[in-house]
Amino acid sequence: MEAKSLLLKKAKLRSAILQMNESEFAKFQHNLEESLDIRTKKIEEEKRKEQEEQNKINRIREICAGEGIDLDSLLAKDSTKMTSSAQYRMTDSDGKEVTWSGKGRLPKAFKEARERGVDLEQFKI
């Protein structure tokens, strides 16, 4: 990051350039022009991709509007995580209520109860 700091501080950059001999300055100028060209092309490519994405979004909005679909409500529905409601409920040894959907990993309290031989069905909601 030392080089970036040098390039962004005008006085330091000017001082470094003034210390260069003619050959070093020519090489610096060539490298700078080449780097600026690469960065300019990259910025243009990023802008082009952003514009393409915005065009796609606009087309999707037009399609939704033509079909009578409210895009905002559609997106809100898609963004909600599909969760399973609790199917089992119990109080753990610390007195906290623990729930489990019956899917996925068994919570510690239910696992301990099962290990003690307790039938988990008695916790079914």
Protein backbone atom coordinates (compact mmCIF):
# COMPACT_ATOMS: atom_id res chain seq x y z
CA MET A 1 0.00 0.00 0.00
CA GLU A 2 3.05 2.26 0.16
CA ALA A 3 2.93 2.70 -3.63
CA LYS A 4 -0.77 3.59 -3.51
CA SER A 5 -0.09 6.15 -0.80
CA LEU A 6 2.67 7.68 -2.94
CA LEU A 7 0.41 7.87 -5.99
CA LEU A 8 -2.43 9.53 -4.08
CA LYS A 9 -0.32 12.26 -2.46
CA LYS A 10 0.49 14.91 -5.03
CA ALA A 11 3.55 16.35 -3.26
CA LYS A 12 5.14 12.92 -2.73
CA LEU A 13 4.41 11.89 -6.31
CA ARG A 14 5.85 15.13 -7.67
CA SER A 15 8.97 14.69 -5.53
CA ALA A 16 9.47 11.09 -6.73
CA ILE A 17 9.02 12.10 -10.38
CA LEU A 18 11.47 14.99 -10.07
CA GLN A 19 14.09 12.59 -8.73
CA MET A 20 13.84 10.34 -11.80
CA ASN A 21 16.35 10.47 -14.62
CA GLU A 22 15.11 10.68 -18.22
CA SER A 23 15.08 6.90 -18.75
CA GLU A 24 13.23 6.22 -15.49
CA PHE A 25 10.71 8.95 -16.30
CA ALA A 26 10.03 7.50 -19.77
CA LYS A 27 9.48 4.04 -18.26
CA PHE A 28 7.25 5.52 -15.55
CA GLN A 29 5.21 7.42 -18.15
CA HIS A 30 4.78 4.30 -20.30
CA ASN A 31 3.75 2.16 -17.31
CA LEU A 32 1.36 4.84 -16.07
CA GLU A 33 -0.34 5.24 -19.45
CA GLU A 34 -0.66 1.44 -19.80
CA SER A 35 -2.09 1.10 -16.29
CA LEU A 36 -4.54 3.95 -16.82
CA ASP A 37 -5.71 2.36 -20.06
CA ILE A 38 -6.30 -0.99 -18.31
CA ARG A 39 -8.16 0.68 -15.44
CA THR A 40 -10.28 2.76 -17.82
CA LYS A 41 -11.28 -0.37 -19.75
CA LYS A 42 -12.14 -2.14 -16.50
CA ILE A 43 -14.34 0.76 -15.38
CA GLU A 44 -16.09 0.81 -18.77
CA GLU A 45 -16.69 -2.97 -18.54
CA GLU A 46 -18.14 -2.60 -15.04
CA LYS A 47 -20.46 0.17 -16.24
CA ARG A 48 -21.51 -1.95 -19.24
CA LYS A 49 -22.35 -4.90 -16.97
CA GLU A 50 -24.28 -2.64 -14.59
CA GLN A 51 -26.26 -1.25 -17.55
CA GLU A 52 -26.99 -4.77 -18.84
CA GLU A 53 -28.23 -5.77 -15.40
CA GLN A 54 -30.41 -2.68 -15.17
CA ASN A 55 -31.84 -3.43 -18.63
CA LYS A 56 -32.69 -6.98 -17.49
CA ILE A 57 -34.35 -5.62 -14.35
CA ASN A 58 -36.38 -3.18 -16.44
CA ARG A 59 -37.49 -6.01 -18.78
CA ILE A 60 -38.55 -8.12 -15.79
CA ARG A 61 -40.48 -5.17 -14.36
CA GLU A 62 -42.24 -4.69 -17.72
CA ILE A 63 -43.14 -8.39 -17.89
CA CYS A 64 -44.49 -8.34 -14.32
CA ALA A 65 -46.47 -5.17 -14.99
CA GLY A 66 -47.92 -6.71 -18.16
CA GLU A 67 -48.97 -9.81 -16.19
CA GLY A 68 -50.40 -7.74 -13.33
CA ILE A 69 -47.80 -8.96 -10.84
CA ASP A 70 -46.56 -6.60 -8.14
CA LEU A 71 -42.79 -7.19 -8.28
CA ASP A 72 -42.16 -5.82 -4.78
CA SER A 73 -44.61 -8.23 -3.18
CA LEU A 74 -43.20 -11.07 -5.29
CA LEU A 75 -39.69 -10.30 -4.06
CA ALA A 76 -40.90 -10.03 -0.47
CA LYS A 77 -42.46 -13.49 -0.73
CA ASP A 78 -39.30 -14.99 -2.21
CA SER A 79 -37.04 -13.44 0.40
CA THR A 80 -38.87 -14.90 3.37
CA LYS A 81 -37.11 -17.95 4.64
CA MET A 82 -39.19 -21.06 4.47
CA THR A 83 -39.30 -22.21 8.05
CA SER A 84 -41.06 -25.07 9.69
CA SER A 85 -43.23 -24.33 12.66
CA ALA A 86 -42.45 -25.91 15.99
CA GLN A 87 -43.86 -29.42 16.38
CA TYR A 88 -42.28 -30.21 19.75
CA ARG A 89 -41.92 -28.07 22.88
CA MET A 90 -40.23 -28.73 26.21
CA THR A 91 -38.51 -26.94 29.08
CA ASP A 92 -34.82 -27.69 29.46
CA SER A 93 -32.88 -28.14 32.70
CA ASP A 94 -32.25 -24.37 32.90
CA GLY A 95 -35.98 -23.66 32.70
CA LYS A 96 -35.82 -22.30 29.13
CA GLU A 97 -38.45 -23.29 26.61
CA VAL A 98 -37.00 -25.23 23.69
CA THR A 99 -38.86 -25.96 20.46
CA TRP A 100 -38.08 -28.24 17.55
CA SER A 101 -39.74 -28.58 14.15
CA GLY A 102 -39.11 -32.30 14.03
CA LYS A 103 -36.72 -31.73 11.13
CA GLY A 104 -33.01 -31.28 11.12
CA ARG A 105 -30.65 -31.49 14.04
CA LEU A 106 -32.15 -32.47 17.36
CA PRO A 107 -31.73 -29.71 19.99
CA LYS A 108 -29.55 -30.61 22.96
CA ALA A 109 -32.45 -30.69 25.44
CA PHE A 110 -34.41 -33.15 23.29
CA LYS A 111 -31.31 -35.26 22.71
CA GLU A 112 -30.63 -35.47 26.46
CA ALA A 113 -34.26 -36.39 27.14
CA ARG A 114 -34.15 -39.13 24.51
CA GLU A 115 -30.91 -40.48 26.02
CA ARG A 116 -32.70 -40.71 29.38
CA GLY A 117 -35.32 -42.86 27.67
CA VAL A 118 -38.03 -40.21 27.47
CA ASP A 119 -40.46 -40.62 24.57
CA LEU A 120 -40.23 -37.39 22.54
CA GLU A 121 -43.85 -37.78 21.44
CA GLN A 122 -44.92 -36.51 24.86
CA PHE A 123 -43.50 -33.10 23.84
CA LYS A 124 -45.51 -32.97 20.60
CA ILE A 125 -47.55 -29.81 20.33
